[in-house]
C-alpha atoms as a PDB file:
ATOM      1  CA  MET A   1       0.000   0.000   0.000  1.00  0.00           C
ATOM      2  CA  ILE A   2       1.239   3.473  -0.897  1.00  0.00           C
ATOM      3  CA  SER A   3       0.213   6.885   0.344  1.00  0.00           C
ATOM      4  CA  THR A   4       0.761   9.610  -2.229  1.00  0.00           C
ATOM      5  CA  PHE A   5       0.766  13.328  -1.534  1.00  0.00           C
ATOM      6  CA  SER A   6       1.330  16.237  -3.865  1.00  0.00           C
ATOM      7  CA  SER A   7       1.378  19.973  -3.328  1.00  0.00           C
ATOM      8  CA  GLN A   8       1.629  22.380  -6.219  1.00  0.00           C
ATOM      9  CA  ARG A   9       0.479  25.943  -6.676  1.00  0.00           C
ATOM     10  CA  THR A  10      -2.586  25.789  -8.932  1.00  0.00           C
ATOM     11  CA  ARG A  11      -4.988  28.753  -9.221  1.00  0.00           C
ATOM     12  CA  GLY A  12      -4.127  29.813  -5.692  1.00  0.00           C
ATOM     13  CA  SER A  13      -4.994  26.446  -4.150  1.00  0.00           C
ATOM     14  CA  TYR A  14      -2.315  24.115  -2.837  1.00  0.00           C
ATOM     15  CA  LEU A  15      -4.350  20.981  -2.057  1.00  0.00           C
ATOM     16  CA  ARG A  16      -7.839  19.657  -2.596  1.00  0.00           C
ATOM     17  CA  ARG A  17      -9.849  19.147   0.572  1.00  0.00           C
ATOM     18  CA  ASP A  18      -9.537  15.370   0.430  1.00  0.00           C
ATOM     19  CA  THR A  19      -5.755  15.682   0.143  1.00  0.00           C
ATOM     20  CA  MET A  20      -5.739  18.029   3.068  1.00  0.00           C
ATOM     21  CA  ARG A  21      -7.540  15.397   5.112  1.00  0.00           C
ATOM     22  CA  ALA A  22      -4.900  12.871   4.086  1.00  0.00           C
ATOM     23  CA  ILE A  23      -2.186  15.238   5.212  1.00  0.00           C
ATOM     24  CA  GLY A  24      -3.930  15.721   8.527  1.00  0.00           C
ATOM     25  CA  ALA A  25      -3.909  11.958   9.023  1.00  0.00           C
ATOM     26  CA  CYS A  26      -0.295  11.749   7.965  1.00  0.00           C
ATOM     27  CA  ALA A  27       0.704  14.506  10.364  1.00  0.00           C
ATOM     28  CA  ALA A  28      -0.354  12.218  13.174  1.00  0.00           C
ATOM     29  CA  LEU A  29       2.406   9.895  12.056  1.00  0.00           C
ATOM     30  CA  ALA A  30       4.954  12.248  13.492  1.00  0.00           C
ATOM     31  CA  LEU A  31       3.592  11.309  16.905  1.00  0.00           C
ATOM     32  CA  SER A  32       2.246   7.813  16.498  1.00  0.00           C
ATOM     33  CA  GLN A  33       4.453   6.415  13.700  1.00  0.00           C
ATOM     34  CA  ALA A  34       1.336   5.011  12.053  1.00  0.00           C
ATOM     35  CA  CYS A  35      -0.172   6.551   8.933  1.00  0.00           C
ATOM     36  CA  ALA A  36      -3.172   5.444   6.925  1.00  0.00           C
ATOM     37  CA  SER A  37      -2.228   4.246   3.466  1.00  0.00           C
ATOM     38  CA  ALA A  38      -3.939   4.913   0.169  1.00  0.00           C
ATOM     39  CA  PRO A  39      -6.385   2.308  -1.186  1.00  0.00           C
ATOM     40  CA  ALA A  40      -5.305  -1.175  -0.203  1.00  0.00           C
ATOM     41  CA  HIS A  41      -4.935  -2.554  -3.725  1.00  0.00           C
ATOM     42  CA  PRO A  42      -4.042   0.173  -6.236  1.00  0.00           C
ATOM     43  CA  ALA A  43      -4.566  -0.916  -9.819  1.00  0.00           C
ATOM     44  CA  PRO A  44      -1.242  -2.125 -11.249  1.00  0.00           C
ATOM     45  CA  ALA A  45      -2.021  -0.501 -14.586  1.00  0.00           C
ATOM     46  CA  GLN A  46      -1.872   2.949 -13.026  1.00  0.00           C
ATOM     47  CA  THR A  47       1.910   2.841 -12.688  1.00  0.00           C
ATOM     48  CA  ALA A  48       4.118   1.336 -15.369  1.00  0.00           C
ATOM     49  CA  PRO A  49       7.274  -0.525 -14.374  1.00  0.00           C
ATOM     50  CA  ALA A  50      10.429   1.558 -14.151  1.00  0.00           C
ATOM     51  CA  GLN A  51      12.306   1.877 -17.390  1.00  0.00           C
ATOM     52  CA  THR A  52      15.058  -0.448 -16.245  1.00  0.00           C
ATOM     53  CA  ALA A  53      15.792  -1.503 -19.796  1.00  0.00           C
ATOM     54  CA  LEU A  54      17.072   1.998 -20.526  1.00  0.00           C
ATOM     55  CA  THR A  55      20.229   1.773 -18.482  1.00  0.00           C
ATOM     56  CA  SER A  56      22.970   2.312 -21.073  1.00  0.00           C
ATOM     57  CA  SER A  57      25.342   5.192 -20.509  1.00  0.00           C
ATOM     58  CA  ARG A  58      28.781   6.387 -21.448  1.00  0.00           C
ATOM     59  CA  VAL A  59      30.717   6.422 -18.191  1.00  0.00           C
ATOM     60  CA  GLN A  60      33.428   9.069 -18.195  1.00  0.00           C
ATOM     61  CA  PRO A  61      36.668   9.131 -16.180  1.00  0.00           C
ATOM     62  CA  THR A  62      36.341  10.112 -12.526  1.00  0.00           C
ATOM     63  CA  PHE A  63      38.032  13.384 -11.642  1.00  0.00           C
ATOM     64  CA  PRO A  64      38.653  15.357  -8.423  1.00  0.00           C
ATOM     65  CA  LEU A  65      36.322  18.204  -7.540  1.00  0.00           C
ATOM     66  CA  TRP A  66      39.397  20.346  -6.844  1.00  0.00           C
ATOM     67  CA  ALA A  67      42.350  19.706  -9.126  1.00  0.00           C
ATOM     68  CA  SER A  68      44.858  21.077  -6.639  1.00  0.00           C
ATOM     69  CA  GLY A  69      43.374  19.434  -3.548  1.00  0.00           C
ATOM     70  CA  ALA A  70      40.182  19.953  -1.595  1.00  0.00           C
ATOM     71  CA  PRO A  71      39.970  22.835   0.895  1.00  0.00           C
ATOM     72  CA  GLY A  72      40.332  21.660   4.469  1.00  0.00           C
ATOM     73  CA  ALA A  73      41.752  18.281   3.439  1.00  0.00           C
ATOM     74  CA  LEU A  74      43.375  16.499   6.380  1.00  0.00           C
ATOM     75  CA  GLY A  75      45.681  14.433   4.201  1.00  0.00           C
ATOM     76  CA  THR A  76      46.276  13.111   0.703  1.00  0.00           C
ATOM     77  CA  ALA A  77      44.554   9.719   0.934  1.00  0.00           C
ATOM     78  CA  PRO A  78      41.641   8.903  -1.407  1.00  0.00           C
ATOM     79  CA  THR A  79      39.242   9.628   1.478  1.00  0.00           C
ATOM     80  CA  ASP A  80      40.570  13.206   1.529  1.00  0.00           C
ATOM     81  CA  GLN A  81      39.854  13.817  -2.161  1.00  0.00           C
ATOM     82  CA  PRO A  82      36.193  14.256  -3.186  1.00  0.00           C
ATOM     83  CA  GLU A  83      35.502  13.116  -6.734  1.00  0.00           C
ATOM     84  CA  ILE A  84      32.795  13.116  -9.389  1.00  0.00           C
ATOM     85  CA  THR A  85      32.031  10.634 -12.165  1.00  0.00           C
ATOM     86  CA  PRO A  86      29.938  11.674 -15.208  1.00  0.00           C
ATOM     87  CA  TYR A  87      27.484   9.236 -16.825  1.00  0.00           C
ATOM     88  CA  LEU A  88      26.482  10.539 -20.255  1.00  0.00           C
ATOM     89  CA  PRO A  89      23.408   9.338 -22.159  1.00  0.00           C
ATOM     90  CA  LEU A  90      23.993   7.521 -25.420  1.00  0.00           C
ATOM     91  CA  PRO A  91      24.314   9.743 -28.522  1.00  0.00           C
ATOM     92  CA  GLY A  92      21.007  11.288 -29.478  1.00  0.00           C
ATOM     93  CA  LYS A  93      19.341  10.520 -26.135  1.00  0.00           C
ATOM     94  CA  ALA A  94      20.401  13.516 -24.003  1.00  0.00           C
ATOM     95  CA  ASN A  95      17.551  15.901 -23.184  1.00  0.00           C
ATOM     96  CA  GLY A  96      19.601  18.649 -21.552  1.00  0.00           C
ATOM     97  CA  THR A  97      18.793  17.805 -17.936  1.00  0.00           C
ATOM     98  CA  ALA A  98      21.539  16.908 -15.442  1.00  0.00           C
ATOM     99  CA  VAL A  99      21.273  15.294 -12.003  1.00  0.00           C
ATOM    100  CA  VAL A 100      23.997  15.105  -9.348  1.00  0.00           C
ATOM    101  CA  VAL A 101      23.797  11.870  -7.327  1.00  0.00           C
ATOM    102  CA  PHE A 102      24.656  11.623  -3.610  1.00  0.00           C
ATOM    103  CA  PRO A 103      24.815   7.997  -2.391  1.00  0.00           C
ATOM    104  CA  GLY A 104      24.011   7.279   1.256  1.00  0.00           C
ATOM    105  CA  GLY A 105      25.898   5.495   3.994  1.00  0.00           C
ATOM    106  CA  GLY A 106      25.329   7.287   7.279  1.00  0.00           C
ATOM    107  CA  TYR A 107      28.073   9.847   6.528  1.00  0.00           C
ATOM    108  CA  THR A 108      30.611   7.086   7.234  1.00  0.00           C
ATOM    109  CA  HIS A 109      30.646   5.092   3.972  1.00  0.00           C
ATOM    110  CA  LEU A 110      29.063   5.360   0.520  1.00  0.00           C
ATOM    111  CA  ALA A 111      26.741   2.893  -1.219  1.00  0.00           C
ATOM    112  CA  MET A 112      28.316   3.659  -4.593  1.00  0.00           C
ATOM    113  CA  ASP A 113      26.666   0.778  -6.461  1.00  0.00           C
ATOM    114  CA  HIS A 114      22.916   0.600  -5.789  1.00  0.00           C
ATOM    115  CA  GLU A 115      22.659   4.280  -4.750  1.00  0.00           C
ATOM    116  CA  GLY A 116      25.304   5.543  -7.161  1.00  0.00           C
ATOM    117  CA  SER A 117      26.097   3.864 -10.466  1.00  0.00           C
ATOM    118  CA  ALA A 118      22.721   2.094 -10.716  1.00  0.00           C
ATOM    119  CA  ILE A 119      20.936   5.426 -10.264  1.00  0.00           C
ATOM    120  CA  ALA A 120      23.191   7.156 -12.793  1.00  0.00           C
ATOM    121  CA  ASN A 121      22.542   4.448 -15.387  1.00  0.00           C
ATOM    122  CA  TRP A 122      18.786   4.728 -14.838  1.00  0.00           C
ATOM    123  CA  LEU A 123      18.928   8.498 -15.292  1.00  0.00           C
ATOM    124  CA  ALA A 124      21.199   8.307 -18.342  1.00  0.00           C
ATOM    125  CA  GLY A 125      18.836   5.761 -19.888  1.00  0.00           C
ATOM    126  CA  ASN A 126      16.145   8.427 -19.647  1.00  0.00           C
ATOM    127  CA  GLY A 127      18.303  11.043 -21.344  1.00  0.00           C
ATOM    128  CA  VAL A 128      19.549  12.692 -18.143  1.00  0.00           C
ATOM    129  CA  THR A 129      23.268  13.345 -17.757  1.00  0.00           C
ATOM    130  CA  ALA A 130      24.183  12.053 -14.296  1.00  0.00           C
ATOM    131  CA  PHE A 131      27.116  12.738 -11.997  1.00  0.00           C
ATOM    132  CA  VAL A 132      27.908  10.490  -9.024  1.00  0.00           C
ATOM    133  CA  VAL A 133      29.727  12.224  -6.168  1.00  0.00           C
ATOM    134  CA  LYS A 134      32.182  10.696  -3.720  1.00  0.00           C
ATOM    135  CA  TYR A 135      32.115  13.198  -0.863  1.00  0.00           C
ATOM    136  CA  ARG A 136      34.168  13.290   2.320  1.00  0.00           C
ATOM    137  CA  LEU A 137      32.869  11.463   5.384  1.00  0.00           C
ATOM    138  CA  GLY A 138      32.827  11.318   9.158  1.00  0.00           C
ATOM    139  CA  PRO A 139      34.064  10.779  11.693  1.00  0.00           C
ATOM    140  CA  GLN A 140      37.213  12.177  10.070  1.00  0.00           C
ATOM    141  CA  TYR A 141      35.298  15.122   8.623  1.00  0.00           C
ATOM    142  CA  HIS A 142      32.295  17.054   9.911  1.00  0.00           C
ATOM    143  CA  HIS A 143      30.028  19.847   8.677  1.00  0.00           C
ATOM    144  CA  PRO A 144      30.579  21.992   6.624  1.00  0.00           C
ATOM    145  CA  THR A 145      32.952  19.717   4.672  1.00  0.00           C
ATOM    146  CA  MET A 146      30.211  17.524   3.175  1.00  0.00           C
ATOM    147  CA  LEU A 147      28.145  20.544   2.109  1.00  0.00           C
ATOM    148  CA  THR A 148      31.253  22.156   0.634  1.00  0.00           C
ATOM    149  CA  ASP A 149      31.802  19.045  -1.498  1.00  0.00           C
ATOM    150  CA  ALA A 150      28.134  18.920  -2.561  1.00  0.00           C
ATOM    151  CA  GLN A 151      28.062  22.585  -3.531  1.00  0.00           C
ATOM    152  CA  ARG A 152      31.295  22.189  -5.480  1.00  0.00           C
ATOM    153  CA  ALA A 153      29.789  19.276  -7.415  1.00  0.00           C
ATOM    154  CA  ILE A 154      26.688  21.296  -8.329  1.00  0.00           C
ATOM    155  CA  ARG A 155      28.772  24.317  -9.310  1.00  0.00           C
ATOM    156  CA  THR A 156      31.119  22.126 -11.380  1.00  0.00           C
ATOM    157  CA  VAL A 157      28.278  20.712 -13.463  1.00  0.00           C
ATOM    158  CA  ARG A 158      26.711  24.147 -13.912  1.00  0.00           C
ATOM    159  CA  ALA A 159      30.005  25.842 -14.834  1.00  0.00           C
ATOM    160  CA  ARG A 160      30.853  23.133 -17.377  1.00  0.00           C
ATOM    161  CA  ALA A 161      27.320  22.622 -18.669  1.00  0.00           C
ATOM    162  CA  THR A 162      28.212  23.402 -22.277  1.00  0.00           C
ATOM    163  CA  GLU A 163      31.000  20.830 -22.243  1.00  0.00           C
ATOM    164  CA  TRP A 164      28.548  18.082 -21.226  1.00  0.00           C
ATOM    165  CA  GLY A 165      25.654  19.318 -23.355  1.00  0.00           C
ATOM    166  CA  VAL A 166      23.347  20.152 -20.470  1.00  0.00           C
ATOM    167  CA  ASP A 167      21.212  23.162 -19.610  1.00  0.00           C
ATOM    168  CA  ALA A 168      22.633  25.010 -16.603  1.00  0.00           C
ATOM    169  CA  ASN A 169      19.053  25.802 -15.549  1.00  0.00           C
ATOM    170  CA  ARG A 170      17.922  22.156 -15.582  1.00  0.00           C
ATOM    171  CA  LEU A 171      20.246  20.825 -12.923  1.00  0.00           C
ATOM    172  CA  GLY A 172      18.781  18.616 -10.214  1.00  0.00           C
ATOM    173  CA  ILE A 173      20.070  16.466  -7.362  1.00  0.00           C
ATOM    174  CA  ILE A 174      19.107  13.102  -5.888  1.00  0.00           C
ATOM    175  CA  GLY A 175      20.190  11.682  -2.542  1.00  0.00           C
ATOM    176  CA  PHE A 176      19.591   8.517  -0.561  1.00  0.00           C
ATOM    177  CA  SER A 177      19.484   8.180   3.243  1.00  0.00           C
ATOM    178  CA  ALA A 178      22.364  10.350   4.560  1.00  0.00           C
ATOM    179  CA  GLY A 179      22.925  11.340   0.940  1.00  0.00           C
ATOM    180  CA  GLY A 180      19.315  12.522   1.061  1.00  0.00           C
ATOM    181  CA  HIS A 181      20.249  14.707   4.005  1.00  0.00           C
ATOM    182  CA  LEU A 182      23.160  16.095   2.006  1.00  0.00           C
ATOM    183  CA  ALA A 183      20.858  16.721  -0.969  1.00  0.00           C
ATOM    184  CA  SER A 184      18.273  18.455   1.229  1.00  0.00           C
ATOM    185  CA  THR A 185      21.094  20.498   2.780  1.00  0.00           C
ATOM    186  CA  ALA A 186      22.246  21.587  -0.675  1.00  0.00           C
ATOM    187  CA  GLY A 187      18.633  22.428  -1.482  1.00  0.00           C
ATOM    188  CA  THR A 188      18.193  24.640   1.583  1.00  0.00           C
ATOM    189  CA  HIS A 189      21.712  26.088   2.008  1.00  0.00           C
ATOM    190  CA  PHE A 190      22.821  27.563  -1.302  1.00  0.00           C
ATOM    191  CA  ASP A 191      24.219  30.791  -2.683  1.00  0.00           C
ATOM    192  CA  ALA A 192      24.506  32.602  -5.990  1.00  0.00           C
ATOM    193  CA  GLY A 193      28.269  32.200  -6.204  1.00  0.00           C
ATOM    194  CA  SER A 194      31.130  34.600  -5.674  1.00  0.00           C
ATOM    195  CA  THR A 195      31.280  37.296  -8.339  1.00  0.00           C
ATOM    196  CA  SER A 196      34.841  38.125  -7.297  1.00  0.00           C
ATOM    197  CA  GLY A 197      36.052  34.510  -7.238  1.00  0.00           C
ATOM    198  CA  THR A 198      39.176  33.694  -9.203  1.00  0.00           C
ATOM    199  CA  ASP A 199      37.864  30.173  -9.860  1.00  0.00           C
ATOM    200  CA  ALA A 200      35.190  30.175 -12.575  1.00  0.00           C
ATOM    201  CA  ILE A 201      33.404  27.314 -10.833  1.00  0.00           C
ATOM    202  CA  ASP A 202      33.040  29.330  -7.632  1.00  0.00           C
ATOM    203  CA  ARG A 203      31.324  32.123  -9.559  1.00  0.00           C
ATOM    204  CA  VAL A 204      28.173  30.144 -10.401  1.00  0.00           C
ATOM    205  CA  SER A 205      25.161  29.313  -8.237  1.00  0.00           C
ATOM    206  CA  SER A 206      25.032  26.206  -6.050  1.00  0.00           C
ATOM    207  CA  ARG A 207      21.205  26.130  -6.031  1.00  0.00           C
ATOM    208  CA  PRO A 208      19.769  22.961  -7.576  1.00  0.00           C
ATOM    209  CA  ASP A 209      16.708  23.409  -9.788  1.00  0.00           C
ATOM    210  CA  PHE A 210      14.984  20.371  -8.253  1.00  0.00           C
ATOM    211  CA  MET A 211      15.710  17.611  -5.758  1.00  0.00           C
ATOM    212  CA  MET A 212      14.716  13.995  -5.254  1.00  0.00           C
ATOM    213  CA  LEU A 213      15.002  12.687  -1.690  1.00  0.00           C
ATOM    214  CA  ILE A 214      14.823   8.904  -1.309  1.00  0.00           C
ATOM    215  CA  TYR A 215      14.325   7.537   2.250  1.00  0.00           C
ATOM    216  CA  PRO A 216      16.189  10.647   3.401  1.00  0.00           C
ATOM    217  CA  VAL A 217      17.571  11.745   6.718  1.00  0.00           C
ATOM    218  CA  ILE A 218      16.173  15.275   7.072  1.00  0.00           C
ATOM    219  CA  THR A 219      16.354  16.394  10.680  1.00  0.00           C
ATOM    220  CA  MET A 220      19.214  16.389  13.174  1.00  0.00           C
ATOM    221  CA  ARG A 221      16.844  16.750  16.125  1.00  0.00           C
ATOM    222  CA  ASP A 222      17.101  13.874  18.596  1.00  0.00           C
ATOM    223  CA  SER A 223      13.487  12.757  18.405  1.00  0.00           C
ATOM    224  CA  VAL A 224      13.560  11.297  14.883  1.00  0.00           C
ATOM    225  CA  THR A 225      17.077  11.737  13.477  1.00  0.00           C
ATOM    226  CA  HIS A 226      19.354   8.894  12.448  1.00  0.00           C
ATOM    227  CA  LYS A 227      21.930   8.916  15.234  1.00  0.00           C
ATOM    228  CA  GLY A 228      24.802   7.596  13.141  1.00  0.00           C
ATOM    229  CA  SER A 229      24.348  10.301  10.515  1.00  0.00           C
ATOM    230  CA  HIS A 230      23.913  12.894  13.259  1.00  0.00           C
ATOM    231  CA  ASP A 231      27.142  11.968  15.041  1.00  0.00           C
ATOM    232  CA  ASN A 232      29.231  11.551  11.897  1.00  0.00           C
ATOM    233  CA  LEU A 233      28.080  14.889  10.498  1.00  0.00           C
ATOM    234  CA  LEU A 234      28.012  17.030  13.639  1.00  0.00           C
ATOM    235  CA  GLY A 235      30.019  15.124  16.246  1.00  0.00           C
ATOM    236  CA  PRO A 236      28.526  13.540  19.372  1.00  0.00           C
ATOM    237  CA  ASN A 237      27.762  16.763  21.280  1.00  0.00           C
ATOM    238  CA  PRO A 238      27.015  19.526  18.773  1.00  0.00           C
ATOM    239  CA  ASP A 239      25.910  23.033  19.595  1.00  0.00           C
ATOM    240  CA  PRO A 240      22.080  23.260  19.546  1.00  0.00           C
ATOM    241  CA  ALA A 241      22.325  26.045  16.987  1.00  0.00           C
ATOM    242  CA  LEU A 242      24.183  23.701  14.626  1.00  0.00           C
ATOM    243  CA  VAL A 243      21.570  20.999  15.155  1.00  0.00           C
ATOM    244  CA  ARG A 244      18.882  23.480  14.156  1.00  0.00           C
ATOM    245  CA  LEU A 245      20.881  24.718  11.158  1.00  0.00           C
ATOM    246  CA  LEU A 246      21.236  21.186   9.762  1.00  0.00           C
ATOM    247  CA  SER A 247      17.629  20.194  10.514  1.00  0.00           C
ATOM    248  CA  ASN A 248      16.612  20.998   6.985  1.00  0.00           C
ATOM    249  CA  GLU A 249      12.866  20.999   7.583  1.00  0.00           C
ATOM    250  CA  LEU A 250      13.534  24.200   9.548  1.00  0.00           C
ATOM    251  CA  GLN A 251      15.481  25.809   6.685  1.00  0.00           C
ATOM    252  CA  VAL A 252      12.887  25.635   3.893  1.00  0.00           C
ATOM    253  CA  THR A 253      11.918  28.907   2.204  1.00  0.00           C
ATOM    254  CA  ARG A 254       9.986  29.855  -0.911  1.00  0.00           C
ATOM    255  CA  ALA A 255      13.328  29.714  -2.765  1.00  0.00           C
ATOM    256  CA  THR A 256      13.817  26.017  -1.945  1.00  0.00           C
ATOM    257  CA  PRO A 257      13.621  23.975  -5.178  1.00  0.00           C
ATOM    258  CA  PRO A 258      10.731  21.611  -5.967  1.00  0.00           C
ATOM    259  CA  ALA A 259      11.067  18.168  -4.416  1.00  0.00           C
ATOM    260  CA  PHE A 260      10.109  14.533  -4.946  1.00  0.00           C
ATOM    261  CA  ILE A 261      10.204  12.379  -1.798  1.00  0.00           C
ATOM    262  CA  VAL A 262      10.016   8.594  -1.245  1.00  0.00           C
ATOM    263  CA  HIS A 263       9.969   6.756   2.091  1.00  0.00           C
ATOM    264  CA  SER A 264       8.574   3.626   3.768  1.00  0.00           C
ATOM    265  CA  THR A 265       6.380   3.463   6.843  1.00  0.00           C
ATOM    266  CA  ASP A 266       8.324   0.487   8.243  1.00  0.00           C
ATOM    267  CA  ASP A 267      11.761   2.111   7.887  1.00  0.00           C
ATOM    268  CA  ARG A 268      13.440   1.326  11.216  1.00  0.00           C
ATOM    269  CA  THR A 269      16.747   2.973  10.286  1.00  0.00           C
ATOM    270  CA  VAL A 270      15.537   6.449   9.275  1.00  0.00           C
ATOM    271  CA  PRO A 271      12.010   7.073  10.607  1.00  0.00           C
ATOM    272  CA  VAL A 272       9.459   8.077   7.999  1.00  0.00           C
ATOM    273  CA  GLU A 273       8.779  11.212  10.058  1.00  0.00           C
ATOM    274  CA  ASN A 274      11.866  12.678   8.369  1.00  0.00           C
ATOM    275  CA  ALA A 275      10.099  12.663   5.002  1.00  0.00           C
ATOM    276  CA  ILE A 276       6.840  13.942   6.468  1.00  0.00           C
ATOM    277  CA  LEU A 277       8.563  16.835   8.236  1.00  0.00           C
ATOM    278  CA  MET A 278      10.151  17.882   4.936  1.00  0.00           C
ATOM    279  CA  TYR A 279       6.913  17.495   3.015  1.00  0.00           C
ATOM    280  CA  ARG A 280       5.007  19.691   5.465  1.00  0.00           C
ATOM    281  CA  ALA A 281       7.741  22.345   5.452  1.00  0.00           C
ATOM    282  CA  LEU A 282       7.793  22.477   1.641  1.00  0.00           C
ATOM    283  CA  ARG A 283       3.999  22.590   1.437  1.00  0.00           C
ATOM    284  CA  ASP A 284       3.812  25.354   4.030  1.00  0.00           C
ATOM    285  CA  ALA A 285       6.329  27.378   2.015  1.00  0.00           C
ATOM    286  CA  ALA A 286       4.305  26.865  -1.201  1.00  0.00           C
ATOM    287  CA  VAL A 287       7.139  24.882  -2.795  1.00  0.00           C
ATOM    288  CA  PRO A 288       5.904  22.232  -5.267  1.00  0.00           C
ATOM    289  CA  VAL A 289       6.384  18.800  -3.664  1.00  0.00           C
ATOM    290  CA  GLU A 290       5.286  15.230  -4.300  1.00  0.00           C
ATOM    291  CA  MET A 291       5.693  12.437  -1.732  1.00  0.00           C
ATOM    292  CA  HIS A 292       5.099   8.682  -1.889  1.00  0.00           C
ATOM    293  CA  ILE A 293       5.038   6.642   1.319  1.00  0.00           C
ATOM    294  CA  PHE A 294       5.139   2.859   0.917  1.00  0.00           C
ATOM    295  CA  GLU A 295       3.706   0.666   3.638  1.00  0.00           C
ATOM    296  CA  HIS A 296       6.619  -1.786   3.435  1.00  0.00           C
ATOM    297  CA  GLY A 297      10.179  -1.439   2.205  1.00  0.00           C
ATOM    298  CA  GLY A 298      12.458  -0.808   5.143  1.00  0.00           C
ATOM    299  CA  HIS A 299      15.590   1.106   4.241  1.00  0.00           C
ATOM    300  CA  GLY A 300      18.422   1.155   1.732  1.00  0.00           C
ATOM    301  CA  TYR A 301      16.653  -0.533  -1.181  1.00  0.00           C
ATOM    302  CA  GLY A 302      17.942   1.699  -3.976  1.00  0.00           C
ATOM    303  CA  MET A 303      15.799   1.075  -7.053  1.00  0.00           C
ATOM    304  CA  ALA A 304      14.325  -2.048  -5.378  1.00  0.00           C
ATOM    305  CA  PRO A 305      14.679  -4.202  -8.516  1.00  0.00           C
ATOM    306  CA  LYS A 306      13.321  -7.345  -6.815  1.00  0.00           C
ATOM    307  CA  ASP A 307      10.289  -5.731  -5.166  1.00  0.00           C
ATOM    308  CA  PRO A 308       7.272  -5.374  -7.489  1.00  0.00           C
ATOM    309  CA  VAL A 309       5.749  -2.661  -5.273  1.00  0.00           C
ATOM    310  CA  LEU A 310       8.762  -0.588  -4.317  1.00  0.00           C
ATOM    311  CA  ASN A 311      10.267  -0.665  -7.793  1.00  0.00           C
ATOM    312  CA  VAL A 312       7.560   1.671  -9.095  1.00  0.00           C
ATOM    313  CA  TRP A 313       9.191   4.679  -7.445  1.00  0.00           C
ATOM    314  CA  PRO A 314      11.597   5.366 -10.352  1.00  0.00           C
ATOM    315  CA  SER A 315       8.625   5.470 -12.736  1.00  0.00           C
ATOM    316  CA  LEU A 316       6.846   7.833 -10.359  1.00  0.00           C
ATOM    317  CA  ALA A 317       9.966  10.013 -10.331  1.00  0.00           C
ATOM    318  CA  GLU A 318      10.114   9.945 -14.126  1.00  0.00           C
ATOM    319  CA  GLY A 319       6.498  11.093 -14.297  1.00  0.00           C
ATOM    320  CA  TRP A 320       7.199  13.919 -11.849  1.00  0.00           C
ATOM    321  CA  MET A 321      10.247  15.039 -13.832  1.00  0.00           C
ATOM    322  CA  ARG A 322       8.320  14.853 -17.086  1.00  0.00           C
ATOM    323  CA  ARG A 323       5.455  16.903 -15.649  1.00  0.00           C
ATOM    324  CA  HIS A 324       7.910  19.663 -14.724  1.00  0.00           C
ATOM    325  CA  GLY A 325       9.672  19.582 -18.096  1.00  0.00           C
ATOM    326  CA  TRP A 326      12.909  17.889 -17.009  1.00  0.00           C
ATOM    327  CA  LEU A 327      12.273  14.789 -19.135  1.00  0.00           C
ATOM    328  CA  GLY A 328      11.224  14.912 -22.748  1.00  0.00           C
ATOM    329  CA  ALA A 329      12.468  14.953 -26.278  1.00  0.00           C
ATOM    330  CA  PRO A 330      16.262  15.091 -26.788  1.00  0.00           C
ATOM    331  CA  ARG A 331      17.642  18.603 -26.864  1.00  0.00           C
END
């Protein structure tokens, strides 16, 4: 069973009354951890299988985000050097959209396969130029290092958009678990770039045009955060002001980019309240947002290729991107 919620500005109305009632029920989940699902047996024909056959891409060489070494690096080991790997669509397939991919791993390791390369191949198969990021991790590094790496990745793609045949104004991000926290951080903590910067990459905006958050960590507040991500990002005893700053549901504004969110009610690693908190914050700020909550799924399933229910989420994401104009005919 799946609960689906969408909020988009249409003729001055954000939600139909029945959707508002669903949100009211879902808000109770933040207290009870139990949310009513959508109809028990949705018709299978309503959602086509994900386009898993379209997974071909041209993987390009990995390169460092900073050619001369990352700022604040504590050494010269591979773990001190953030990197990015481009996945280009096959010739004639690119549609001009780019997505930067942040794999999860609790800010202590990275699930580079099922939350990295598999996601990039799926996106490239749909004409999207994808970029998988290897960012620095805790406990060796803490905030703001991870955000610095994420912003550099977004700026790099935007500054070199012509080189990769993408539109600098069609640049999205996707993150999973702790990578979802990093993506939501990039989507709520961005700047226009430094006009006086000597590095051309630093002169462009770090704001993503849209974000997809898949079973994401959102808050750093003790009640529903993922403790491992919390400690690896902030340290074991962070200042309360820092906790609030990195609780991204508290940082949403009207300038926050549109979002697509997926989570599971039975996620025992990252409570589903994280997704609901972000959904409510985006809705309250009149930011277009769509959320799908699955009854079962747990955590860390990536594209869920072996689950006939969970594996519809990529198709749902494709539909959302298409509706906003980020998927379509090759450009």
